Amino acid sequence: MSNKQPSNPLHGITLEKALTTLLGHYGWEGLAERINIKCFENDPSIKSSLKFLRKTQWARDKVEALYISTFEEP
């Protein structure tokens, strides 16, 4: 039995890893342009953003969707 989940593109990717990877690629300003979340616009930090994203499913969904569309291999 394998632990791989080929139909789940986020398998093995934590929310923190997804956010830091997106941050490295787009920066805070680029993230705020792509996803309208105040924690990306006003005094952003990884810690405060993760706290918000863990409590707010719609925002987490948007971050995960951006990660997939940006980094998923065709």
N, C-alpha and C. Protein backbone atom coordinates (compact mmCIF):
# COMPACT_ATOMS: atom_id res chain seq x y z
N MET A 1 0.84 -1.18 0.00
CA MET A 1 0.00 0.00 0.00
C MET A 1 0.89 1.25 0.00
N SER A 2 0.54 2.22 -0.83
CA SER A 2 1.35 3.41 -0.99
C SER A 2 0.70 4.60 -0.28
N ASN A 3 1.53 5.49 0.23
CA ASN A 3 1.02 6.70 0.87
C ASN A 3 0.82 7.83 -0.12
N LYS A 4 1.16 7.62 -1.38
CA LYS A 4 1.01 8.66 -2.39
C LYS A 4 -0.46 8.87 -2.71
N GLN A 5 -0.79 10.12 -2.98
CA GLN A 5 -2.15 10.49 -3.36
C GLN A 5 -2.07 11.27 -4.67
N PRO A 6 -2.02 10.56 -5.79
CA PRO A 6 -1.81 11.25 -7.07
C PRO A 6 -2.92 12.23 -7.43
N SER A 7 -4.12 12.04 -6.90
CA SER A 7 -5.20 12.96 -7.23
C SER A 7 -5.23 14.18 -6.32
N ASN A 8 -4.35 14.24 -5.33
CA ASN A 8 -4.29 15.37 -4.41
C ASN A 8 -2.99 16.15 -4.64
N PRO A 9 -3.05 17.27 -5.36
CA PRO A 9 -1.83 18.01 -5.66
C PRO A 9 -1.17 18.65 -4.43
N LEU A 10 -1.91 18.76 -3.33
CA LEU A 10 -1.36 19.36 -2.12
C LEU A 10 -0.86 18.32 -1.12
N HIS A 11 -0.87 17.05 -1.51
CA HIS A 11 -0.40 16.01 -0.59
C HIS A 11 1.05 16.28 -0.20
N GLY A 12 1.30 16.35 1.10
CA GLY A 12 2.64 16.58 1.60
C GLY A 12 3.04 18.05 1.69
N ILE A 13 2.15 18.96 1.28
CA ILE A 13 2.43 20.39 1.32
C ILE A 13 1.63 21.00 2.47
N THR A 14 2.33 21.51 3.47
CA THR A 14 1.63 22.16 4.58
C THR A 14 1.19 23.55 4.15
N LEU A 15 0.25 24.10 4.90
CA LEU A 15 -0.20 25.46 4.62
C LEU A 15 0.97 26.44 4.75
N GLU A 16 1.81 26.23 5.74
CA GLU A 16 2.97 27.11 5.93
C GLU A 16 3.92 27.03 4.74
N LYS A 17 4.16 25.84 4.25
CA LYS A 17 5.06 25.68 3.09
C LYS A 17 4.45 26.32 1.85
N ALA A 18 3.15 26.13 1.64
CA ALA A 18 2.49 26.74 0.49
C ALA A 18 2.58 28.25 0.57
N LEU A 19 2.32 28.81 1.75
CA LEU A 19 2.36 30.26 1.91
C LEU A 19 3.77 30.81 1.72
N THR A 20 4.76 30.18 2.30
CA THR A 20 6.13 30.68 2.17
C THR A 20 6.64 30.54 0.73
N THR A 21 6.22 29.49 0.05
CA THR A 21 6.61 29.32 -1.36
C THR A 21 5.97 30.40 -2.22
N LEU A 22 4.68 30.66 -1.99
CA LEU A 22 4.00 31.73 -2.73
C LEU A 22 4.61 33.08 -2.40
N LEU A 23 4.95 33.30 -1.16
CA LEU A 23 5.56 34.56 -0.75
C LEU A 23 6.90 34.76 -1.45
N GLY A 24 7.69 33.72 -1.54
CA GLY A 24 8.96 33.81 -2.24
C GLY A 24 8.79 34.09 -3.72
N HIS A 25 7.71 33.60 -4.29
CA HIS A 25 7.45 33.77 -5.72
C HIS A 25 6.84 35.14 -6.04
N TYR A 26 5.83 35.55 -5.26
CA TYR A 26 5.08 36.77 -5.55
C TYR A 26 5.41 37.95 -4.63
N GLY A 27 5.86 37.68 -3.41
CA GLY A 27 6.01 38.75 -2.42
C GLY A 27 4.64 39.10 -1.84
N TRP A 28 4.65 39.88 -0.76
CA TRP A 28 3.37 40.25 -0.12
C TRP A 28 2.48 41.05 -1.06
N GLU A 29 3.07 41.98 -1.78
CA GLU A 29 2.29 42.83 -2.68
C GLU A 29 1.63 41.99 -3.79
N GLY A 30 2.37 41.06 -4.33
CA GLY A 30 1.82 40.19 -5.37
C GLY A 30 0.73 39.28 -4.84
N LEU A 31 0.90 38.78 -3.63
CA LEU A 31 -0.15 37.95 -3.02
C LEU A 31 -1.41 38.78 -2.80
N ALA A 32 -1.25 40.01 -2.30
CA ALA A 32 -2.40 40.88 -2.06
C ALA A 32 -3.12 41.23 -3.35
N GLU A 33 -2.39 41.35 -4.46
CA GLU A 33 -3.01 41.63 -5.75
C GLU A 33 -3.83 40.43 -6.24
N ARG A 34 -3.35 39.23 -5.97
CA ARG A 34 -4.01 38.03 -6.48
C ARG A 34 -5.12 37.53 -5.56
N ILE A 35 -4.96 37.75 -4.25
CA ILE A 35 -5.95 37.31 -3.28
C ILE A 35 -6.25 38.49 -2.36
N ASN A 36 -7.48 38.96 -2.38
CA ASN A 36 -7.86 40.13 -1.59
C ASN A 36 -8.10 39.74 -0.13
N ILE A 37 -7.01 39.67 0.61
CA ILE A 37 -7.06 39.34 2.03
C ILE A 37 -6.27 40.41 2.77
N LYS A 38 -6.89 41.03 3.75
CA LYS A 38 -6.24 42.15 4.45
C LYS A 38 -4.94 41.76 5.13
N CYS A 39 -4.83 40.51 5.58
CA CYS A 39 -3.60 40.10 6.26
C CYS A 39 -2.41 40.07 5.30
N PHE A 40 -2.65 40.12 3.99
CA PHE A 40 -1.57 40.23 3.01
C PHE A 40 -1.25 41.69 2.69
N GLU A 41 -2.16 42.60 3.04
CA GLU A 41 -2.01 44.00 2.69
C GLU A 41 -1.48 44.86 3.83
N ASN A 42 -1.98 44.66 5.04
CA ASN A 42 -1.67 45.53 6.17
C ASN A 42 -0.72 44.85 7.14
N ASP A 43 0.51 45.31 7.19
CA ASP A 43 1.54 44.78 8.09
C ASP A 43 1.59 43.25 8.05
N PRO A 44 1.84 42.67 6.88
CA PRO A 44 1.78 41.20 6.75
C PRO A 44 2.93 40.49 7.45
N SER A 45 2.62 39.30 7.94
CA SER A 45 3.65 38.41 8.48
C SER A 45 3.17 36.98 8.27
N ILE A 46 4.12 36.07 8.25
CA ILE A 46 3.77 34.66 8.08
C ILE A 46 2.88 34.22 9.24
N LYS A 47 3.27 34.57 10.46
CA LYS A 47 2.54 34.12 11.65
C LYS A 47 1.08 34.59 11.64
N SER A 48 0.86 35.89 11.40
CA SER A 48 -0.52 36.39 11.41
C SER A 48 -1.33 35.84 10.24
N SER A 49 -0.69 35.68 9.09
CA SER A 49 -1.39 35.13 7.93
C SER A 49 -1.79 33.68 8.16
N LEU A 50 -0.88 32.88 8.72
CA LEU A 50 -1.22 31.49 9.01
C LEU A 50 -2.35 31.39 10.02
N LYS A 51 -2.33 32.23 11.03
CA LYS A 51 -3.39 32.22 12.04
C LYS A 51 -4.75 32.49 11.38
N PHE A 52 -4.80 33.50 10.50
CA PHE A 52 -6.03 33.84 9.80
C PHE A 52 -6.45 32.70 8.86
N LEU A 53 -5.51 32.19 8.08
CA LEU A 53 -5.84 31.16 7.10
C LEU A 53 -6.31 29.87 7.75
N ARG A 54 -5.79 29.54 8.92
CA ARG A 54 -6.21 28.32 9.61
C ARG A 54 -7.63 28.44 10.14
N LYS A 55 -8.09 29.67 10.38
CA LYS A 55 -9.44 29.87 10.91
C LYS A 55 -10.46 30.19 9.82
N THR A 56 -10.01 30.53 8.64
CA THR A 56 -10.90 31.02 7.59
C THR A 56 -10.76 30.15 6.34
N GLN A 57 -11.70 29.22 6.19
CA GLN A 57 -11.60 28.21 5.13
C GLN A 57 -11.61 28.82 3.73
N TRP A 58 -12.45 29.84 3.48
CA TRP A 58 -12.52 30.40 2.13
C TRP A 58 -11.18 31.01 1.72
N ALA A 59 -10.50 31.64 2.68
CA ALA A 59 -9.20 32.25 2.39
C ALA A 59 -8.14 31.17 2.15
N ARG A 60 -8.18 30.12 2.97
CA ARG A 60 -7.25 29.01 2.79
C ARG A 60 -7.45 28.37 1.41
N ASP A 61 -8.72 28.21 1.02
CA ASP A 61 -9.01 27.63 -0.29
C ASP A 61 -8.39 28.46 -1.42
N LYS A 62 -8.46 29.78 -1.29
CA LYS A 62 -7.89 30.66 -2.32
C LYS A 62 -6.36 30.53 -2.37
N VAL A 63 -5.73 30.45 -1.21
CA VAL A 63 -4.27 30.30 -1.17
C VAL A 63 -3.87 28.97 -1.78
N GLU A 64 -4.58 27.91 -1.43
CA GLU A 64 -4.27 26.59 -1.97
C GLU A 64 -4.49 26.55 -3.48
N ALA A 65 -5.56 27.19 -3.96
CA ALA A 65 -5.83 27.22 -5.40
C ALA A 65 -4.74 27.99 -6.14
N LEU A 66 -4.28 29.09 -5.56
CA LEU A 66 -3.19 29.86 -6.19
C LEU A 66 -1.91 29.03 -6.21
N TYR A 67 -1.63 28.32 -5.14
CA TYR A 67 -0.44 27.47 -5.09
C TYR A 67 -0.50 26.42 -6.20
N ILE A 68 -1.64 25.77 -6.33
CA ILE A 68 -1.80 24.73 -7.35
C ILE A 68 -1.65 25.32 -8.75
N SER A 69 -2.31 26.43 -9.01
CA SER A 69 -2.25 27.01 -10.36
C SER A 69 -0.86 27.55 -10.68
N THR A 70 -0.11 27.94 -9.67
CA THR A 70 1.22 28.49 -9.89
C THR A 70 2.28 27.41 -10.05
N PHE A 71 2.20 26.35 -9.24
CA PHE A 71 3.31 25.41 -9.16
C PHE A 71 3.00 23.98 -9.61
N GLU A 72 1.76 23.66 -9.89
CA GLU A 72 1.45 22.29 -10.31
C GLU A 72 2.02 22.04 -11.70
N GLU A 73 2.68 20.92 -11.82
CA GLU A 73 3.24 20.54 -13.12
C GLU A 73 2.13 20.10 -14.05
N PRO A 74 2.22 20.48 -15.33
CA PRO A 74 1.16 20.10 -16.29
C PRO A 74 1.12 18.61 -16.57
